[in-house]
Amino acid sequence: MNHSLGMAIETLVAILLMLTIFYCVMLNKRLTRLKADEHSLKAVIGELITATEIAERAIGGLKLAVRDVNENLGSQLVAATQMSDQLYKQLGEADNVVRRLSKIAIAARPMTNPETVVASAAKPSSAKAVAAAAEAFSERRRSNGLAA
């Protein structure tokens, strides 16, 4: 009986050792896969770091571009404002010139009938009269060789 009990214990120990070896082989395979995943994970992390550095440089470049655009737009906006003011002044001066031309055109009309003069003085100058005066003025300029 001692012998069969010893043999049963030895058989049990052998079975447990075989299970342990089988379990160790499974763990080894899992560890190998884990190490392979670790290497691929390190590669992905490296790529992410590289992409982050590139993005940071791009953001820095965009900030510089925005700063340059703001400076250029600011100066262009100031120039446009000045030009707008200048055009507004020139429009006022042009309006004065048109008024003077219409007065000249009215004064240059022949005085044939006093009633016509009174009637035309009562009516404000029309656009046709102003256009005719401007055309006569430009014809005189062309005949003198000063045409634009």
Protein backbone atom coordinates (compact mmCIF):
# COMPACT_ATOMS: atom_id res chain seq x y z
CA MET A 1 0.00 0.00 0.00
CA ASN A 2 2.86 2.32 0.67
CA HIS A 3 4.10 1.65 -2.73
CA SER A 4 0.81 2.39 -4.48
CA LEU A 5 0.29 5.57 -2.40
CA GLY A 6 3.75 6.78 -3.37
CA MET A 7 3.06 5.96 -6.98
CA ALA A 8 -0.25 7.90 -6.87
CA ILE A 9 1.52 10.92 -5.34
CA GLU A 10 4.29 10.73 -7.96
CA THR A 11 1.68 10.48 -10.75
CA LEU A 12 -0.21 13.46 -9.32
CA VAL A 13 3.02 15.49 -9.13
CA ALA A 14 3.89 14.53 -12.75
CA ILE A 15 0.43 15.60 -13.94
CA LEU A 16 0.72 18.90 -12.04
CA LEU A 17 4.19 19.48 -13.53
CA MET A 18 2.83 18.84 -17.02
CA LEU A 19 -0.01 21.30 -16.40
CA THR A 20 2.53 23.84 -15.11
CA ILE A 21 4.72 23.37 -18.20
CA PHE A 22 1.68 23.74 -20.48
CA TYR A 23 0.63 26.89 -18.61
CA CYS A 24 4.19 28.28 -18.87
CA VAL A 25 4.18 27.68 -22.63
CA MET A 26 0.85 29.57 -22.91
CA LEU A 27 2.21 32.42 -20.80
CA ASN A 28 5.33 32.56 -22.97
CA LYS A 29 3.21 32.93 -26.11
CA ARG A 30 1.17 35.68 -24.50
CA LEU A 31 4.32 37.49 -23.37
CA THR A 32 5.74 37.24 -26.89
CA ARG A 33 2.57 38.76 -28.31
CA LEU A 34 2.64 41.44 -25.63
CA LYS A 35 6.24 42.35 -26.49
CA ALA A 36 5.34 42.54 -30.19
CA ASP A 37 2.43 44.81 -29.31
CA GLU A 38 4.76 46.89 -27.14
CA HIS A 39 7.11 47.44 -30.11
CA SER A 40 4.26 48.43 -32.41
CA LEU A 41 2.88 50.69 -29.67
CA LYS A 42 6.29 52.36 -29.32
CA ALA A 43 6.35 52.91 -33.08
CA VAL A 44 2.88 54.48 -32.97
CA ILE A 45 3.91 56.70 -30.05
CA GLY A 46 7.00 57.80 -31.99
CA GLU A 47 4.88 58.67 -35.01
CA LEU A 48 2.46 60.62 -32.81
CA ILE A 49 5.34 62.59 -31.30
CA THR A 50 6.68 63.38 -34.77
CA ALA A 51 3.24 64.44 -35.99
CA THR A 52 2.80 66.63 -32.90
CA GLU A 53 6.13 68.37 -33.51
CA ILE A 54 5.21 68.99 -37.16
CA ALA A 55 1.83 70.37 -36.11
CA GLU A 56 3.46 72.69 -33.56
CA ARG A 57 5.82 74.04 -36.23
CA ALA A 58 2.88 74.52 -38.60
CA ILE A 59 0.94 76.38 -35.90
CA GLY A 60 3.95 78.64 -35.33
CA GLY A 61 4.11 79.35 -39.06
CA LEU A 62 0.39 80.09 -39.16
CA LYS A 63 0.74 82.50 -36.24
CA LEU A 64 3.47 84.37 -38.11
CA ALA A 65 1.33 84.44 -41.25
CA VAL A 66 -1.65 85.79 -39.30
CA ARG A 67 0.54 88.47 -37.72
CA ASP A 68 1.86 89.51 -41.16
CA VAL A 69 -1.63 89.55 -42.65
CA ASN A 70 -2.91 91.67 -39.75
CA GLU A 71 -0.10 94.19 -40.28
CA ASN A 72 -0.69 94.30 -44.04
CA LEU A 73 -4.45 94.57 -43.70
CA GLY A 74 -4.06 97.28 -41.09
CA SER A 75 -1.89 99.38 -43.37
CA GLN A 76 -4.17 98.71 -46.34
CA LEU A 77 -7.20 99.67 -44.27
CA VAL A 78 -5.54 102.95 -43.28
CA ALA A 79 -4.64 103.63 -46.93
CA ALA A 80 -8.20 102.82 -48.03
CA THR A 81 -9.62 105.15 -45.39
CA GLN A 82 -7.32 107.95 -46.52
CA MET A 83 -8.25 107.35 -50.15
CA SER A 84 -11.94 107.38 -49.26
CA ASP A 85 -11.51 110.73 -47.50
CA GLN A 86 -9.58 112.08 -50.47
CA LEU A 87 -12.27 110.91 -52.91
CA TYR A 88 -14.94 112.50 -50.73
CA LYS A 89 -13.08 115.83 -50.86
CA GLN A 90 -12.60 115.52 -54.62
CA LEU A 91 -16.31 114.82 -55.07
CA GLY A 92 -17.07 118.01 -53.17
CA GLU A 93 -14.66 119.95 -55.35
CA ALA A 94 -16.16 118.39 -58.49
CA ASP A 95 -19.61 119.45 -57.31
CA ASN A 96 -18.33 123.03 -56.96
CA VAL A 97 -16.85 122.88 -60.47
CA VAL A 98 -20.16 121.66 -61.90
CA ARG A 99 -21.99 124.50 -60.16
CA ARG A 100 -19.54 127.03 -61.59
CA LEU A 101 -19.86 125.50 -65.06
CA SER A 102 -23.63 125.69 -64.90
CA LYS A 103 -23.40 129.36 -63.86
CA ILE A 104 -21.03 129.98 -66.78
CA ALA A 105 -23.40 128.18 -69.14
CA ILE A 106 -26.34 130.25 -67.92
CA ALA A 107 -24.34 133.45 -68.26
CA ALA A 108 -23.17 132.51 -71.76
CA ARG A 109 -26.70 132.09 -73.13
CA PRO A 110 -27.73 134.78 -75.58
CA MET A 111 -30.18 137.30 -74.18
CA THR A 112 -32.79 137.40 -76.93
CA ASN A 113 -35.94 137.83 -74.96
CA PRO A 114 -36.12 139.26 -71.44
CA GLU A 115 -39.06 136.98 -70.65
CA THR A 116 -36.93 133.94 -71.54
CA VAL A 117 -34.17 135.19 -69.26
CA VAL A 118 -36.63 135.65 -66.40
CA ALA A 119 -38.18 132.23 -67.06
CA SER A 120 -34.80 130.49 -67.22
CA ALA A 121 -33.60 132.28 -64.10
CA ALA A 122 -36.69 131.10 -62.25
CA LYS A 123 -36.12 127.49 -63.29
CA PRO A 124 -33.18 125.62 -61.78
CA SER A 125 -30.57 124.45 -64.31
CA SER A 126 -31.35 121.09 -65.80
CA ALA A 127 -29.02 118.19 -66.36
CA LYS A 128 -29.16 118.86 -70.11
CA ALA A 129 -27.83 122.37 -69.62
CA VAL A 130 -24.98 121.13 -67.46
CA ALA A 131 -24.14 118.40 -69.98
CA ALA A 132 -24.20 120.92 -72.84
CA ALA A 133 -21.90 123.27 -70.91
CA ALA A 134 -19.50 120.44 -70.17
CA GLU A 135 -19.52 119.37 -73.80
CA ALA A 136 -18.85 122.92 -75.00
CA PHE A 137 -16.03 123.23 -72.50
CA SER A 138 -14.45 119.95 -73.66
CA GLU A 139 -14.81 121.03 -77.33
CA ARG A 140 -12.93 124.24 -76.55
CA ARG A 141 -10.23 122.24 -74.78
CA ARG A 142 -9.88 119.88 -77.75
CA SER A 143 -9.64 122.71 -80.22
CA ASN A 144 -6.82 124.22 -78.13
CA GLY A 145 -5.01 120.85 -78.13
CA LEU A 146 -5.48 120.20 -74.45
CA ALA A 147 -7.77 117.17 -74.74
CA ALA A 148 -7.31 114.51 -72.11
